[in-house]
Amino acid sequence: MYEGRCVRGHLKDCALQVKEFFPEIKNFRSKVVNRLYVNDTLIPIKDENGNTLVDIEDTEVRFIQVMTRQGPRSAIKYIDYVTNPAFDVTIKLLNDTRNPKTTRDIITIDHISAILEYGSVHGMGAERSQGWGRYTVTDITEL
């Protein structure tokens, strides 16, 4: 399972990075944060055939060094992973056109696409700095 709050955090992080592509929207990240919500609390992870995964594929072991208030420490980090995982996520987006002061939505599917395009290169999850967590968006369906 993957947590919906992690997906939302990823979208917020990516919105901060792409804000300059949308200078006409003041406080772009804030607008995304206040209008975009991940509907799912827990998201089942699937394999490339669409079957729900029930177990990890493997574990990577890394030796790390960290600096703490008590000085340097060494630790062993265990990372459970699966290869080529997939999941579907449902995002709720505020429909701003109901407000008589606006004539169009402030955040649109095009904005979400840009956020996800950046995110696909940036990566999602704790190990993205190591090149993990990159993804491909296969479909965006507006309901």
N, C-alpha and C. Protein backbone atom coordinates (compact mmCIF):
# COMPACT_ATOMS: atom_id res chain seq x y z
N MET A 1 0.84 -1.18 0.00
CA MET A 1 0.00 0.00 0.00
C MET A 1 0.89 1.25 0.00
N TYR A 2 0.35 2.29 -0.60
CA TYR A 2 1.01 3.59 -0.57
C TYR A 2 0.01 4.57 0.03
N GLU A 3 0.49 5.48 0.83
CA GLU A 3 -0.42 6.39 1.51
C GLU A 3 -0.78 7.59 0.64
N GLY A 4 -2.07 7.94 0.64
CA GLY A 4 -2.55 9.08 -0.11
C GLY A 4 -1.90 10.38 0.33
N ARG A 5 -1.61 10.50 1.61
CA ARG A 5 -0.97 11.72 2.11
C ARG A 5 0.41 11.91 1.50
N CYS A 6 1.08 10.82 1.16
CA CYS A 6 2.39 10.91 0.52
C CYS A 6 2.25 11.43 -0.91
N VAL A 7 1.21 10.99 -1.60
CA VAL A 7 0.94 11.48 -2.96
C VAL A 7 0.62 12.97 -2.90
N ARG A 8 -0.21 13.38 -1.94
CA ARG A 8 -0.57 14.79 -1.81
C ARG A 8 0.68 15.63 -1.51
N GLY A 9 1.53 15.14 -0.63
CA GLY A 9 2.78 15.85 -0.33
C GLY A 9 3.66 15.99 -1.56
N HIS A 10 3.69 14.94 -2.36
CA HIS A 10 4.45 14.97 -3.62
C HIS A 10 3.89 16.03 -4.57
N LEU A 11 2.57 16.09 -4.70
CA LEU A 11 1.93 17.08 -5.57
C LEU A 11 2.21 18.50 -5.08
N LYS A 12 2.18 18.71 -3.78
CA LYS A 12 2.47 20.02 -3.21
C LYS A 12 3.92 20.42 -3.47
N ASP A 13 4.83 19.49 -3.29
CA ASP A 13 6.25 19.73 -3.53
C ASP A 13 6.49 20.09 -5.00
N CYS A 14 5.87 19.36 -5.89
CA CYS A 14 6.04 19.61 -7.33
C CYS A 14 5.39 20.92 -7.75
N ALA A 15 4.25 21.27 -7.14
CA ALA A 15 3.58 22.54 -7.46
C ALA A 15 4.50 23.72 -7.14
N LEU A 16 5.26 23.61 -6.08
CA LEU A 16 6.20 24.67 -5.72
C LEU A 16 7.26 24.85 -6.81
N GLN A 17 7.67 23.76 -7.42
CA GLN A 17 8.73 23.81 -8.42
C GLN A 17 8.25 24.30 -9.79
N VAL A 18 6.98 24.09 -10.12
CA VAL A 18 6.48 24.50 -11.45
C VAL A 18 5.73 25.83 -11.40
N LYS A 19 5.67 26.47 -10.27
CA LYS A 19 4.88 27.71 -10.12
C LYS A 19 5.29 28.79 -11.10
N GLU A 20 6.55 28.85 -11.45
CA GLU A 20 7.03 29.89 -12.35
C GLU A 20 6.56 29.71 -13.78
N PHE A 21 6.05 28.52 -14.12
CA PHE A 21 5.49 28.30 -15.45
C PHE A 21 4.09 28.92 -15.57
N PHE A 22 3.52 29.33 -14.44
CA PHE A 22 2.17 29.88 -14.42
C PHE A 22 2.17 31.23 -13.69
N PRO A 23 2.86 32.23 -14.24
CA PRO A 23 2.97 33.52 -13.55
C PRO A 23 1.64 34.25 -13.42
N GLU A 24 0.66 33.88 -14.24
CA GLU A 24 -0.65 34.54 -14.16
C GLU A 24 -1.43 34.13 -12.91
N ILE A 25 -1.00 33.06 -12.25
CA ILE A 25 -1.68 32.58 -11.04
C ILE A 25 -0.81 32.94 -9.84
N LYS A 26 -1.24 33.93 -9.09
CA LYS A 26 -0.50 34.33 -7.89
C LYS A 26 -0.66 33.24 -6.83
N ASN A 27 0.42 32.99 -6.12
CA ASN A 27 0.41 31.97 -5.06
C ASN A 27 -0.04 30.61 -5.59
N PHE A 28 0.57 30.20 -6.70
CA PHE A 28 0.17 28.95 -7.37
C PHE A 28 0.16 27.76 -6.42
N ARG A 29 1.23 27.58 -5.65
CA ARG A 29 1.29 26.43 -4.74
C ARG A 29 0.14 26.46 -3.74
N SER A 30 -0.14 27.62 -3.18
CA SER A 30 -1.25 27.73 -2.22
C SER A 30 -2.58 27.39 -2.87
N LYS A 31 -2.74 27.80 -4.12
CA LYS A 31 -3.98 27.50 -4.83
C LYS A 31 -4.11 25.98 -5.04
N VAL A 32 -2.99 25.33 -5.35
CA VAL A 32 -3.00 23.88 -5.52
C VAL A 32 -3.33 23.21 -4.19
N VAL A 33 -2.65 23.63 -3.13
CA VAL A 33 -2.85 23.04 -1.80
C VAL A 33 -4.31 23.15 -1.35
N ASN A 34 -4.95 24.28 -1.63
CA ASN A 34 -6.31 24.51 -1.16
C ASN A 34 -7.39 23.95 -2.09
N ARG A 35 -7.00 23.44 -3.25
CA ARG A 35 -7.99 22.96 -4.21
C ARG A 35 -7.82 21.50 -4.62
N LEU A 36 -6.69 20.91 -4.32
CA LEU A 36 -6.37 19.58 -4.81
C LEU A 36 -6.21 18.61 -3.63
N TYR A 37 -7.01 17.56 -3.61
CA TYR A 37 -6.97 16.59 -2.52
C TYR A 37 -6.92 15.18 -3.09
N VAL A 38 -6.16 14.33 -2.43
CA VAL A 38 -6.11 12.92 -2.79
C VAL A 38 -7.23 12.22 -2.03
N ASN A 39 -8.09 11.56 -2.76
CA ASN A 39 -9.29 10.94 -2.18
C ASN A 39 -8.96 9.69 -1.37
N ASP A 40 -7.89 9.00 -1.74
CA ASP A 40 -7.57 7.69 -1.16
C ASP A 40 -6.66 7.83 0.06
N THR A 41 -7.00 7.12 1.13
CA THR A 41 -6.14 7.09 2.30
C THR A 41 -5.01 6.09 2.08
N LEU A 42 -5.35 4.88 1.67
CA LEU A 42 -4.38 3.84 1.33
C LEU A 42 -4.61 3.41 -0.11
N ILE A 43 -3.55 3.36 -0.89
CA ILE A 43 -3.64 3.04 -2.31
C ILE A 43 -2.96 1.70 -2.54
N PRO A 44 -3.71 0.71 -3.04
CA PRO A 44 -3.08 -0.59 -3.32
C PRO A 44 -2.06 -0.50 -4.46
N ILE A 45 -0.94 -1.14 -4.27
CA ILE A 45 0.11 -1.18 -5.29
C ILE A 45 -0.13 -2.41 -6.15
N LYS A 46 0.00 -2.23 -7.46
CA LYS A 46 -0.24 -3.32 -8.41
C LYS A 46 1.03 -3.62 -9.19
N ASP A 47 1.08 -4.82 -9.74
CA ASP A 47 2.20 -5.16 -10.62
C ASP A 47 1.85 -4.73 -12.05
N GLU A 48 2.75 -5.01 -12.99
CA GLU A 48 2.53 -4.57 -14.38
C GLU A 48 1.33 -5.24 -15.04
N ASN A 49 0.82 -6.31 -14.45
CA ASN A 49 -0.37 -6.98 -14.99
C ASN A 49 -1.66 -6.51 -14.33
N GLY A 50 -1.55 -5.59 -13.39
CA GLY A 50 -2.73 -5.08 -12.71
C GLY A 50 -3.15 -5.86 -11.48
N ASN A 51 -2.34 -6.84 -11.07
CA ASN A 51 -2.65 -7.63 -9.88
C ASN A 51 -2.15 -6.90 -8.64
N THR A 52 -2.95 -6.88 -7.60
CA THR A 52 -2.55 -6.23 -6.36
C THR A 52 -1.41 -7.00 -5.71
N LEU A 53 -0.35 -6.28 -5.38
CA LEU A 53 0.81 -6.90 -4.75
C LEU A 53 0.53 -7.10 -3.27
N VAL A 54 0.97 -8.22 -2.75
CA VAL A 54 0.77 -8.51 -1.33
C VAL A 54 2.09 -8.59 -0.57
N ASP A 55 3.20 -8.55 -1.30
CA ASP A 55 4.49 -8.68 -0.63
C ASP A 55 5.53 -7.87 -1.38
N ILE A 56 6.63 -7.58 -0.71
CA ILE A 56 7.73 -6.87 -1.33
C ILE A 56 8.47 -7.81 -2.27
N GLU A 57 9.22 -7.22 -3.18
CA GLU A 57 10.00 -8.03 -4.11
C GLU A 57 11.38 -8.33 -3.54
N ASP A 58 11.98 -7.31 -2.94
CA ASP A 58 13.33 -7.48 -2.41
C ASP A 58 13.61 -6.35 -1.42
N THR A 59 14.74 -6.44 -0.77
CA THR A 59 15.18 -5.43 0.18
C THR A 59 16.59 -5.02 -0.16
N GLU A 60 16.82 -3.72 -0.21
CA GLU A 60 18.18 -3.21 -0.41
C GLU A 60 18.71 -2.76 0.94
N VAL A 61 19.95 -3.07 1.20
CA VAL A 61 20.59 -2.69 2.46
C VAL A 61 21.64 -1.63 2.15
N ARG A 62 21.57 -0.53 2.89
CA ARG A 62 22.55 0.55 2.71
C ARG A 62 23.13 0.91 4.07
N PHE A 63 24.39 1.24 4.06
CA PHE A 63 25.05 1.69 5.27
C PHE A 63 25.14 3.21 5.17
N ILE A 64 24.64 3.87 6.20
CA ILE A 64 24.59 5.33 6.16
C ILE A 64 25.29 5.92 7.37
N GLN A 65 25.74 7.16 7.21
CA GLN A 65 26.33 7.90 8.30
C GLN A 65 25.48 9.17 8.49
N VAL A 66 25.16 9.46 9.72
CA VAL A 66 24.36 10.65 10.02
C VAL A 66 25.05 11.42 11.14
N MET A 67 24.80 12.72 11.16
CA MET A 67 25.33 13.57 12.23
C MET A 67 24.17 13.88 13.17
N THR A 68 24.34 13.57 14.43
CA THR A 68 23.32 13.85 15.43
C THR A 68 23.88 14.85 16.45
N ARG A 69 23.06 15.24 17.39
CA ARG A 69 23.53 16.15 18.44
C ARG A 69 24.60 15.49 19.30
N GLN A 70 24.58 14.16 19.33
CA GLN A 70 25.59 13.44 20.10
C GLN A 70 26.85 13.13 19.28
N GLY A 71 26.86 13.59 18.01
CA GLY A 71 28.00 13.34 17.15
C GLY A 71 27.64 12.40 16.01
N PRO A 72 28.64 11.97 15.23
CA PRO A 72 28.37 11.11 14.08
C PRO A 72 27.91 9.72 14.50
N ARG A 73 27.01 9.16 13.70
CA ARG A 73 26.51 7.81 13.94
C ARG A 73 26.48 7.06 12.62
N SER A 74 26.63 5.76 12.69
CA SER A 74 26.48 4.89 11.53
C SER A 74 25.23 4.05 11.75
N ALA A 75 24.57 3.73 10.66
CA ALA A 75 23.35 2.94 10.76
C ALA A 75 23.21 2.07 9.52
N ILE A 76 22.34 1.10 9.63
CA ILE A 76 21.99 0.25 8.50
C ILE A 76 20.57 0.60 8.11
N LYS A 77 20.37 0.88 6.83
CA LYS A 77 19.06 1.27 6.32
C LYS A 77 18.55 0.15 5.42
N TYR A 78 17.33 -0.32 5.70
CA TYR A 78 16.71 -1.37 4.90
C TYR A 78 15.58 -0.74 4.08
N ILE A 79 15.62 -0.96 2.76
CA ILE A 79 14.62 -0.39 1.86
C ILE A 79 13.91 -1.53 1.14
N ASP A 80 12.63 -1.72 1.47
CA ASP A 80 11.82 -2.71 0.77
C ASP A 80 11.32 -2.10 -0.53
N TYR A 81 11.29 -2.89 -1.60
CA TYR A 81 10.84 -2.34 -2.87
C TYR A 81 10.22 -3.40 -3.77
N VAL A 82 9.52 -2.91 -4.79
CA VAL A 82 9.00 -3.74 -5.88
C VAL A 82 9.45 -3.07 -7.18
N THR A 83 9.60 -3.86 -8.23
CA THR A 83 10.00 -3.34 -9.53
C THR A 83 8.76 -3.06 -10.37
N ASN A 84 8.73 -1.92 -11.02
CA ASN A 84 7.63 -1.50 -11.90
C ASN A 84 6.26 -1.54 -11.23
N PRO A 85 6.12 -0.93 -10.07
CA PRO A 85 4.80 -0.91 -9.45
C PRO A 85 3.87 0.07 -10.18
N ALA A 86 2.58 -0.09 -9.95
CA ALA A 86 1.59 0.81 -10.54
C ALA A 86 0.49 1.04 -9.51
N PHE A 87 -0.14 2.20 -9.58
CA PHE A 87 -1.33 2.43 -8.76
C PHE A 87 -2.20 3.49 -9.40
N ASP A 88 -3.46 3.45 -9.04
CA ASP A 88 -4.43 4.44 -9.49
C ASP A 88 -4.74 5.32 -8.30
N VAL A 89 -4.81 6.61 -8.55
CA VAL A 89 -5.12 7.55 -7.48
C VAL A 89 -6.26 8.45 -7.95
N THR A 90 -7.18 8.74 -7.04
CA THR A 90 -8.29 9.63 -7.33
C THR A 90 -8.02 10.96 -6.65
N ILE A 91 -8.04 12.01 -7.45
CA ILE A 91 -7.78 13.36 -6.95
C ILE A 91 -9.06 14.17 -7.06
N LYS A 92 -9.40 14.86 -5.99
CA LYS A 92 -10.54 15.78 -6.02
C LYS A 92 -10.00 17.18 -6.23
N LEU A 93 -10.63 17.89 -7.17
CA LEU A 93 -10.22 19.25 -7.49
C LEU A 93 -11.41 20.17 -7.35
N LEU A 94 -11.23 21.25 -6.61
CA LEU A 94 -12.30 22.21 -6.41
C LEU A 94 -12.72 22.82 -7.74
N ASN A 95 -14.03 22.83 -7.98
CA ASN A 95 -14.58 23.44 -9.19
C ASN A 95 -14.85 24.91 -8.89
N ASP A 96 -13.96 25.79 -9.32
CA ASP A 96 -14.07 27.22 -9.04
C ASP A 96 -15.14 27.92 -9.86
N THR A 97 -15.62 27.30 -10.92
CA THR A 97 -16.58 27.99 -11.79
C THR A 97 -17.94 28.16 -11.13
N ARG A 98 -18.17 27.50 -10.00
CA ARG A 98 -19.42 27.70 -9.27
C ARG A 98 -19.46 29.06 -8.58
N ASN A 99 -18.29 29.63 -8.36
CA ASN A 99 -18.19 30.94 -7.73
C ASN A 99 -18.53 32.00 -8.78
N PRO A 100 -19.53 32.86 -8.55
CA PRO A 100 -19.90 33.84 -9.56
C PRO A 100 -18.80 34.85 -9.89
N LYS A 101 -17.78 34.95 -9.06
CA LYS A 101 -16.70 35.90 -9.31
C LYS A 101 -15.69 35.36 -10.33
N THR A 102 -15.72 34.05 -10.59
CA THR A 102 -14.77 33.47 -11.52
C THR A 102 -15.50 32.94 -12.75
N THR A 103 -14.82 32.96 -13.88
CA THR A 103 -15.41 32.43 -15.11
C THR A 103 -14.73 31.15 -15.55
N ARG A 104 -13.66 30.76 -14.86
CA ARG A 104 -12.95 29.52 -15.19
C ARG A 104 -12.32 28.96 -13.92
N ASP A 105 -11.96 27.71 -13.98
CA ASP A 105 -11.26 27.09 -12.85
C ASP A 105 -9.88 27.72 -12.71
N ILE A 106 -9.46 27.91 -11.47
CA ILE A 106 -8.12 28.47 -11.23
C ILE A 106 -7.07 27.40 -11.51
N ILE A 107 -7.26 26.21 -10.97
CA ILE A 107 -6.36 25.08 -11.22
C ILE A 107 -7.09 24.13 -12.16
N THR A 108 -6.43 23.77 -13.26
CA THR A 108 -7.06 22.93 -14.28
C THR A 108 -6.28 21.63 -14.47
N ILE A 109 -6.81 20.80 -15.33
CA ILE A 109 -6.13 19.54 -15.68
C ILE A 109 -4.75 19.83 -16.29
N ASP A 110 -4.62 20.91 -17.05
CA ASP A 110 -3.32 21.26 -17.62
C ASP A 110 -2.29 21.56 -16.53
N HIS A 111 -2.73 22.20 -15.46
CA HIS A 111 -1.82 22.47 -14.34
C HIS A 111 -1.42 21.17 -13.66
N ILE A 112 -2.39 20.29 -13.45
CA ILE A 112 -2.10 19.00 -12.83
C ILE A 112 -1.15 18.20 -13.70
N SER A 113 -1.35 18.23 -15.01
CA SER A 113 -0.45 17.53 -15.93
C SER A 113 0.98 18.05 -15.82
N ALA A 114 1.14 19.36 -15.71
CA ALA A 114 2.48 19.94 -15.57
C ALA A 114 3.12 19.52 -14.25
N ILE A 115 2.33 19.50 -13.19
CA ILE A 115 2.84 19.07 -11.89
C ILE A 115 3.31 17.62 -11.96
N LEU A 116 2.50 16.76 -12.57
CA LEU A 116 2.86 15.35 -12.67
C LEU A 116 4.04 15.12 -13.62
N GLU A 117 4.13 15.93 -14.68
CA GLU A 117 5.26 15.79 -15.60
C GLU A 117 6.57 16.10 -14.88
N TYR A 118 6.58 17.18 -14.10
CA TYR A 118 7.77 17.49 -13.31
C TYR A 118 8.04 16.36 -12.30
N GLY A 119 6.99 15.93 -11.62
CA GLY A 119 7.13 14.89 -10.60
C GLY A 119 7.66 13.59 -11.15
N SER A 120 7.32 13.27 -12.39
CA SER A 120 7.78 12.01 -12.98
C SER A 120 9.30 11.96 -13.12
N VAL A 121 9.92 13.12 -13.27
CA VAL A 121 11.37 13.20 -13.36
C VAL A 121 11.99 13.36 -11.97
N HIS A 122 11.33 14.15 -11.14
CA HIS A 122 11.79 14.42 -9.77
C HIS A 122 11.77 13.15 -8.92
N GLY A 123 10.72 12.35 -9.09
CA GLY A 123 10.56 11.12 -8.32
C GLY A 123 9.71 11.33 -7.08
N MET A 124 9.14 10.24 -6.62
CA MET A 124 8.26 10.27 -5.45
C MET A 124 8.81 9.31 -4.39
N GLY A 125 8.78 9.72 -3.15
CA GLY A 125 9.20 8.84 -2.07
C GLY A 125 10.54 9.25 -1.49
N ALA A 126 10.92 8.51 -0.46
CA ALA A 126 12.10 8.87 0.33
C ALA A 126 13.42 8.70 -0.42
N GLU A 127 13.50 7.83 -1.37
CA GLU A 127 14.76 7.55 -2.05
C GLU A 127 14.88 8.24 -3.40
N ARG A 128 14.10 9.30 -3.63
CA ARG A 128 14.13 9.96 -4.94
C ARG A 128 15.48 10.60 -5.23
N SER A 129 16.23 10.98 -4.21
CA SER A 129 17.56 11.55 -4.45
C SER A 129 18.52 10.51 -5.00
N GLN A 130 18.18 9.25 -4.86
CA GLN A 130 18.99 8.15 -5.39
C GLN A 130 18.51 7.71 -6.77
N GLY A 131 17.54 8.45 -7.34
CA GLY A 131 17.01 8.10 -8.66
C GLY A 131 15.83 7.17 -8.61
N TRP A 132 15.36 6.82 -7.43
CA TRP A 132 14.20 5.94 -7.29
C TRP A 132 12.93 6.78 -7.32
N GLY A 133 11.81 6.16 -7.55
CA GLY A 133 10.53 6.83 -7.46
C GLY A 133 10.11 7.57 -8.71
N ARG A 134 10.84 7.43 -9.80
CA ARG A 134 10.41 8.04 -11.04
C ARG A 134 9.24 7.24 -11.60
N TYR A 135 8.36 7.93 -12.28
CA TYR A 135 7.14 7.26 -12.74
C TYR A 135 6.69 7.80 -14.08
N THR A 136 5.70 7.12 -14.64
CA THR A 136 5.07 7.52 -15.88
C THR A 136 3.58 7.62 -15.63
N VAL A 137 3.00 8.73 -16.03
CA VAL A 137 1.55 8.88 -15.94
C VAL A 137 0.97 8.26 -17.20
N THR A 138 0.12 7.26 -17.03
CA THR A 138 -0.43 6.57 -18.20
C THR A 138 -1.78 7.12 -18.62
N ASP A 139 -2.51 7.75 -17.70
CA ASP A 139 -3.82 8.26 -18.06
C ASP A 139 -4.31 9.24 -17.01
N ILE A 140 -4.95 10.29 -17.46
CA ILE A 140 -5.65 11.21 -16.58
C ILE A 140 -7.07 11.28 -17.11
N THR A 141 -8.01 10.88 -16.28
CA THR A 141 -9.41 10.87 -16.68
C THR A 141 -10.18 11.83 -15.80
N GLU A 142 -10.87 12.78 -16.42
CA GLU A 142 -11.68 13.72 -15.67
C GLU A 142 -13.07 13.13 -15.51
N LEU A 143 -13.54 13.09 -14.26
CA LEU A 143 -14.86 12.54 -13.97
C LEU A 143 -15.82 13.65 -13.62
